[in-house]
Protein backbone atom coordinates (compact mmCIF):
# COMPACT_ATOMS: atom_id res chain seq x y z
CA UNK A 1 0.00 0.00 0.00
CA UNK A 2 1.16 3.49 -0.83
CA UNK A 3 -0.51 4.97 2.27
CA UNK A 4 1.81 5.97 5.11
CA UNK A 5 -0.99 5.53 7.63
CA UNK A 6 -4.20 3.49 7.36
CA UNK A 7 -7.53 5.28 7.12
CA UNK A 8 -8.75 3.41 10.20
CA UNK A 9 -6.51 1.97 12.90
CA UNK A 10 -7.43 0.01 16.03
CA UNK A 11 -4.96 -0.89 18.73
CA UNK A 12 -5.60 -3.17 21.71
CA UNK A 13 -9.38 -2.91 21.45
CA UNK A 14 -11.21 -4.59 24.31
CA UNK A 15 -14.93 -4.66 25.07
CA UNK A 16 -16.15 -6.27 28.27
CA UNK A 17 -19.84 -6.60 29.09
CA UNK A 18 -21.03 -7.16 32.65
CA UNK A 19 -23.40 -10.11 32.95
CA UNK A 20 -25.05 -12.00 35.79
CA UNK A 21 -27.81 -11.47 38.29
CA UNK A 22 -30.99 -12.77 36.65
CA UNK A 23 -34.13 -14.13 38.30
CA UNK A 24 -32.14 -16.46 40.58
CA UNK A 25 -29.58 -13.87 41.59
CA UNK A 26 -25.93 -14.82 41.67
CA UNK A 27 -22.78 -12.83 41.15
CA UNK A 28 -21.89 -10.86 38.06
CA UNK A 29 -19.44 -12.02 35.43
CA UNK A 30 -17.47 -10.44 32.62
CA UNK A 31 -18.00 -11.32 28.97
CA UNK A 32 -15.00 -10.37 26.84
CA UNK A 33 -16.67 -9.84 23.47
CA UNK A 34 -13.54 -8.25 21.94
CA UNK A 35 -10.21 -9.13 23.46
CA UNK A 36 -7.21 -7.05 22.36
CA UNK A 37 -7.79 -6.51 18.63
CA UNK A 38 -5.24 -4.70 16.43
CA UNK A 39 -6.52 -3.80 12.97
CA UNK A 40 -5.60 -1.60 10.02
CA UNK A 41 -7.99 -0.60 7.24
CA UNK A 42 -6.42 1.06 4.22
CA UNK A 43 -8.11 3.72 2.13
CA UNK A 44 -10.03 2.28 -0.84
CA UNK A 45 -9.90 -1.37 0.25
CA UNK A 46 -12.49 -3.79 1.58
CA UNK A 47 -11.45 -5.58 4.76
CA UNK A 48 -13.60 -8.64 5.38
CA UNK A 49 -14.10 -9.79 8.98
CA UNK A 50 -15.22 -13.40 9.33
CA UNK A 51 -15.80 -15.94 12.08
CA UNK A 52 -18.46 -18.04 13.74
CA UNK A 53 -21.52 -16.48 15.36
CA UNK A 54 -20.61 -14.95 18.71
CA UNK A 55 -16.95 -14.38 17.89
CA UNK A 56 -17.26 -10.60 18.35
CA UNK A 57 -17.49 -9.40 14.73
CA UNK A 58 -20.46 -7.10 15.20
CA UNK A 59 -19.15 -5.72 18.49
CA UNK A 60 -15.83 -4.95 16.81
CA UNK A 61 -17.60 -3.13 13.97
CA UNK A 62 -19.48 -0.95 16.45
CA UNK A 63 -16.32 -0.21 18.38
CA UNK A 64 -14.62 0.95 15.17
CA UNK A 65 -17.46 3.43 14.62
CA UNK A 66 -17.59 4.50 18.29
CA UNK A 67 -21.18 3.26 18.49
CA UNK A 68 -19.88 1.38 21.53
CA UNK A 69 -17.35 2.65 24.04
CA UNK A 70 -14.27 0.41 24.29
CA UNK A 71 -13.28 -0.93 27.68
CA UNK A 72 -9.66 -0.47 26.63
CA UNK A 73 -7.67 0.34 23.50
CA UNK A 74 -7.94 3.04 20.88
CA UNK A 75 -9.40 3.81 17.45
CA UNK A 76 -7.93 6.36 15.01
CA UNK A 77 -9.63 7.61 11.88
CA UNK A 78 -7.52 9.42 9.28
CA UNK A 79 -4.81 9.98 11.90
CA UNK A 80 -7.17 11.45 14.50
CA UNK A 81 -7.90 9.76 17.80
CA UNK A 82 -11.60 8.93 18.28
CA UNK A 83 -11.37 7.31 21.68
CA UNK A 84 -12.45 9.67 24.41
CA UNK A 85 -14.16 12.22 22.15
CA UNK A 86 -17.52 13.61 23.25
CA UNK A 87 -20.66 13.26 21.13
CA UNK A 88 -20.22 16.82 19.90
CA UNK A 89 -16.57 16.21 18.99
CA UNK A 90 -17.54 13.02 17.15
CA UNK A 91 -20.15 14.74 14.99
CA UNK A 92 -17.82 15.56 12.04
CA UNK A 93 -16.64 11.93 12.01
CA UNK A 94 -20.20 10.58 11.96
CA UNK A 95 -20.62 11.91 8.44
CA UNK A 96 -17.36 10.35 7.26
CA UNK A 97 -18.06 6.94 8.84
CA UNK A 98 -21.35 5.22 8.07
CA UNK A 99 -22.92 1.80 8.67
CA UNK A 100 -25.23 -0.60 6.84
CA UNK A 101 -26.91 -3.02 9.24
CA UNK A 102 -27.93 -6.65 8.79
CA UNK A 103 -31.70 -6.15 9.12
CA UNK A 104 -32.77 -3.36 6.78
CA UNK A 105 -36.32 -3.24 8.11
CA UNK A 106 -35.32 -2.88 11.76
CA UNK A 107 -32.86 -0.09 10.90
CA UNK A 108 -35.43 2.03 9.01
CA UNK A 109 -38.01 4.25 10.72
CA UNK A 110 -41.38 2.74 9.71
CA UNK A 111 -43.13 6.10 10.18
CA UNK A 112 -40.89 8.00 7.76
CA UNK A 113 -41.17 7.99 3.98
CA UNK A 114 -38.13 6.82 2.07
CA UNK A 115 -37.26 10.23 0.65
CA UNK A 116 -37.09 11.73 4.14
CA UNK A 117 -35.09 8.78 5.48
CA UNK A 118 -32.38 9.33 2.89
CA UNK A 119 -32.49 13.13 3.15
CA UNK A 120 -32.34 13.28 6.95
CA UNK A 121 -28.57 12.94 7.25
CA UNK A 122 -27.92 15.43 4.47
CA UNK A 123 -30.04 18.02 6.25
CA UNK A 124 -28.46 17.31 9.64
CA UNK A 125 -24.93 17.82 8.27
CA UNK A 126 -25.94 20.82 6.15
CA UNK A 127 -25.02 19.20 2.82
CA UNK A 128 -28.10 20.33 0.89
CA UNK A 129 -31.53 21.87 1.32
CA UNK A 130 -34.68 22.70 -0.63
CA UNK A 131 -34.87 21.74 -4.28
CA UNK A 132 -31.19 20.77 -4.38
CA UNK A 133 -31.75 18.30 -1.54
CA UNK A 134 -34.62 16.62 -3.38
CA UNK A 135 -32.61 16.48 -6.60
CA UNK A 136 -29.63 14.84 -4.91
CA UNK A 137 -31.80 12.30 -3.10
CA UNK A 138 -33.64 11.34 -6.28
CA UNK A 139 -30.32 10.92 -8.12
CA UNK A 140 -29.01 8.71 -5.33
CA UNK A 141 -32.19 6.64 -5.29
CA UNK A 142 -31.83 6.10 -9.00
CA UNK A 143 -28.19 5.13 -8.57
CA UNK A 144 -28.97 2.36 -6.09
CA UNK A 145 -31.82 0.98 -8.21
CA UNK A 146 -34.87 2.66 -6.68
CA UNK A 147 -37.43 4.53 -8.75
CA UNK A 148 -38.48 8.12 -8.10
CA UNK A 149 -41.83 6.86 -6.78
CA UNK A 150 -40.01 5.48 -3.73
CA UNK A 151 -39.82 9.03 -2.33
CA UNK A 152 -43.39 8.96 -0.96
CA UNK A 153 -43.53 5.32 0.09
CA UNK A 154 -42.87 3.69 3.46
CA UNK A 155 -40.28 0.96 4.19
CA UNK A 156 -42.92 -1.78 4.67
CA UNK A 157 -43.95 -1.35 1.03
CA UNK A 158 -40.59 -2.68 -0.21
CA UNK A 159 -38.94 -6.09 -0.42
CA UNK A 160 -35.89 -7.00 1.69
CA UNK A 161 -33.48 -6.29 -1.15
CA UNK A 162 -35.10 -2.93 -1.87
CA UNK A 163 -34.94 -1.98 1.80
CA UNK A 164 -31.23 -2.73 1.83
CA UNK A 165 -30.86 -0.44 -1.18
CA UNK A 166 -32.60 2.26 0.86
CA UNK A 167 -30.12 1.70 3.70
CA UNK A 168 -27.20 1.92 1.28
CA UNK A 169 -28.56 5.17 -0.17
CA UNK A 170 -29.01 6.60 3.32
CA UNK A 171 -25.40 5.74 4.20
CA UNK A 172 -24.02 7.24 0.98
CA UNK A 173 -26.15 10.39 1.17
CA UNK A 174 -23.70 12.08 3.56
CA UNK A 175 -20.70 11.29 1.33
CA UNK A 176 -18.78 9.01 3.73
CA UNK A 177 -15.25 7.71 3.28
CA UNK A 178 -15.72 4.54 5.35
CA UNK A 179 -18.72 2.20 5.44
CA UNK A 180 -19.02 -0.66 7.94
CA UNK A 181 -21.35 -3.24 6.38
CA UNK A 182 -22.51 -5.63 9.10
CA UNK A 183 -23.89 -8.83 7.50
CA UNK A 184 -25.60 -6.67 4.82
CA UNK A 185 -26.76 -9.59 2.67
CA UNK A 186 -27.26 -12.46 5.15
CA UNK A 187 -31.03 -11.84 5.42
CA UNK A 188 -31.51 -11.83 1.63
CA UNK A 189 -32.10 -14.55 -0.97
CA UNK A 190 -28.98 -15.75 -2.78
CA UNK A 191 -29.93 -14.07 -6.08
CA UNK A 192 -30.56 -10.77 -4.30
CA UNK A 193 -27.29 -11.13 -2.38
CA UNK A 194 -25.37 -11.10 -5.65
CA UNK A 195 -27.18 -7.96 -6.82
CA UNK A 196 -26.43 -6.08 -3.59
CA UNK A 197 -22.77 -7.17 -3.57
CA UNK A 198 -22.35 -6.07 -7.18
CA UNK A 199 -23.97 -2.72 -6.33
CA UNK A 200 -21.60 -2.23 -3.38
CA UNK A 201 -18.61 -3.01 -5.60
CA UNK A 202 -19.74 -0.49 -8.22
CA UNK A 203 -20.33 2.18 -5.58
CA UNK A 204 -16.90 1.56 -4.09
CA UNK A 205 -15.27 2.21 -7.44
CA UNK A 206 -17.45 5.20 -8.21
CA UNK A 207 -17.13 6.99 -4.87
CA UNK A 208 -13.74 5.71 -3.67
CA UNK A 209 -15.27 4.06 -0.60
CA UNK A 210 -13.49 2.02 2.03
CA UNK A 211 -15.43 -0.95 3.44
CA UNK A 212 -15.26 -3.04 6.58
CA UNK A 213 -17.38 -6.00 5.52
CA UNK A 214 -18.58 -8.25 8.36
CA UNK A 215 -19.96 -11.69 7.53
CA UNK A 216 -20.07 -15.30 8.67
CA UNK A 217 -20.27 -16.43 5.02
CA UNK A 218 -16.77 -17.04 3.70
CA UNK A 219 -17.97 -17.30 0.10
CA UNK A 220 -19.41 -13.80 0.26
CA UNK A 221 -16.25 -12.42 1.87
CA UNK A 222 -14.06 -14.09 -0.75
CA UNK A 223 -16.08 -12.44 -3.52
CA UNK A 224 -16.08 -8.95 -2.05
CA UNK A 225 -12.94 -8.42 0.08
CA UNK A 226 -9.37 -7.41 -0.72
CA UNK A 227 -8.10 -8.55 2.68
CA UNK A 228 -9.60 -10.80 5.35
CA UNK A 229 -9.35 -10.82 9.15
CA UNK A 230 -10.44 -14.05 10.84
CA UNK A 231 -11.85 -13.76 14.38
CA UNK A 232 -12.16 -16.39 17.06
CA UNK A 233 -13.48 -15.79 20.58
CA UNK A 234 -12.99 -12.04 20.42
CA UNK A 235 -9.50 -12.10 18.87
CA UNK A 236 -8.12 -11.76 15.37
CA UNK A 237 -6.21 -14.97 14.64
CA UNK A 238 -5.17 -14.33 11.02
CA UNK A 239 -5.11 -11.50 8.49
CA UNK A 240 -4.04 -11.78 4.86
CA UNK A 241 -4.94 -10.73 1.33
CA UNK A 242 -8.10 -12.53 0.26
CA UNK A 243 -6.45 -14.72 -2.37
CA UNK A 244 -3.68 -15.82 0.00
CA UNK A 245 -5.99 -16.72 2.85
CA UNK A 246 -8.28 -18.78 0.63
CA UNK A 247 -5.48 -20.55 -1.22
CA UNK A 248 -3.17 -21.16 1.75
CA UNK A 249 -4.65 -20.58 5.22
CA UNK A 250 -2.01 -20.66 7.96
CA UNK A 251 -4.05 -20.72 11.16
CA UNK A 252 -5.71 -24.09 11.95
CA UNK A 253 -9.03 -22.34 12.63
CA UNK A 254 -8.96 -20.59 9.24
CA UNK A 255 -8.19 -23.91 7.55
CA UNK A 256 -11.14 -25.54 9.32
CA UNK A 257 -13.53 -22.78 8.30
CA UNK A 258 -12.43 -22.93 4.67
CA UNK A 259 -12.67 -26.72 4.53
CA UNK A 260 -16.41 -26.41 5.20
CA UNK A 261 -17.03 -24.07 2.25
CA UNK A 262 -18.55 -25.93 -0.73
CA UNK A 263 -16.44 -25.66 -3.89
CA UNK A 264 -17.58 -26.22 -7.47
CA UNK A 265 -14.01 -26.72 -8.68
CA UNK A 266 -12.89 -30.22 -7.66
CA UNK A 267 -9.24 -29.11 -7.63
CA UNK A 268 -10.03 -26.40 -5.11
CA UNK A 269 -11.71 -28.77 -2.65
CA UNK A 270 -9.87 -29.62 0.53
CA UNK A 271 -10.31 -32.38 3.06
CA UNK A 272 -12.93 -31.43 5.63
CA UNK A 273 -11.50 -30.49 9.03
CA UNK A 274 -14.03 -31.35 11.74
CA UNK A 275 -13.47 -29.38 14.94
CA UNK A 276 -14.13 -31.11 18.24
CA UNK A 277 -16.40 -29.59 20.85
CA UNK A 278 -18.20 -26.26 20.89
CA UNK A 279 -16.88 -22.72 20.93
CA UNK A 280 -15.87 -21.92 24.56
CA UNK A 281 -17.85 -19.30 26.43
CA UNK A 282 -16.35 -15.79 26.27
CA UNK A 283 -17.28 -15.52 29.96
CA UNK A 284 -14.77 -18.23 30.85
CA UNK A 285 -12.34 -18.54 27.93
CA UNK A 286 -9.62 -21.21 28.06
CA UNK A 287 -6.10 -20.32 29.08
CA UNK A 288 -3.30 -20.11 26.57
CA UNK A 289 -4.40 -20.11 22.94
CA UNK A 290 -8.19 -19.67 22.93
CA UNK A 291 -8.49 -22.18 20.08
CA UNK A 292 -6.42 -24.98 21.64
CA UNK A 293 -9.33 -27.06 23.07
CA UNK A 294 -10.67 -27.55 19.52
CA UNK A 295 -7.44 -27.38 17.52
CA UNK A 296 -6.54 -30.59 15.63
CA UNK A 297 -2.79 -29.87 15.84
CA UNK A 298 -2.50 -28.36 19.35
CA UNK A 299 0.56 -29.14 21.47
CA UNK A 300 1.01 -29.03 25.24
CA UNK A 301 2.37 -25.46 25.25
CA UNK A 302 -0.76 -24.21 23.46
CA UNK A 303 -2.72 -24.56 26.72
CA UNK A 304 -0.43 -22.18 28.60
CA UNK A 305 1.14 -19.76 26.09
CA UNK A 306 -0.93 -16.99 24.50
CA UNK A 307 -0.01 -16.50 20.81
CA UNK A 308 0.37 -12.93 19.56
CA UNK A 309 -0.72 -11.72 16.13
CA UNK A 310 2.68 -11.51 14.41
CA UNK A 311 3.77 -10.82 10.80
CA UNK A 312 4.27 -13.89 8.60
CA UNK A 313 5.49 -12.37 5.35
CA UNK A 314 4.12 -9.47 3.34
CA UNK A 315 0.66 -8.26 4.38
CA UNK A 316 0.06 -11.36 6.49
CA UNK A 317 -0.20 -11.93 10.25
CA UNK A 318 -1.04 -15.04 12.26
CA UNK A 319 -1.63 -15.72 15.96
CA UNK A 320 -0.44 -19.31 16.30
CA UNK A 321 2.48 -20.85 18.19
CA UNK A 322 2.91 -23.55 15.57
CA UNK A 323 3.18 -21.37 12.45
């Protein structure tokens, strides 16, 4: 990369949620949803974040946007520290950093018409008003595949794919530089998924967008991402360019995930790696390497030594004692 500094940089991010109590009482416990994540996102790229459900992907995405306050660690955007800023101080960054959520219906105000939903952010940030505002919104609606008649309709009148197009238009209306897309196609039919992914790719090229693309579907991430970060139990265990990670995974967990992905090309198929046991609870994670209880190649030291995410060649990092 030609950039001296990444557009978005996270260092030592931790998010701990307090749990416990309940109807039968009992003491509280700590759930470490994100546990010491370092991450760089370069301008113009798509960084895919993958992992099993509950690994902390969504929490990490919200920490990057300061929608959640980190328990520890820092986030920088375009060289400026976001951690510790007040809501007022964060306001200029809100325009430059947008999000597309998994459930388009839940993230849209059912009482607002689509035109107003898309225009709201533009008005708030003073980007347009009056006739110019309407013109820009209509152009954006057209660009994402919505007709002009959508202006006076409500979200419930649209299909799931159309609602996601509305969410994409709303995010782009304020001219962001970074978009965090959190499982943006997982609730859609396969044919509609392809349409939305192609639209996102076109918009990235057209507007020079940077994406953090969160998904549990490795096929989708492979199609859309330039680089991939694999998460397990709140930690990033491997990062690499998309082609490298799919052709030659280094971490045993990454290899197991990829072995479960169906492949049309017989030459690309790999022997299925079946992991033993379930994902440990983030309330009481195992000592040492968090993956060692399920790892097919774990050694004795893996239960006591914590692997760090270290460089393994150009643009690649792995957190494994055996690599």
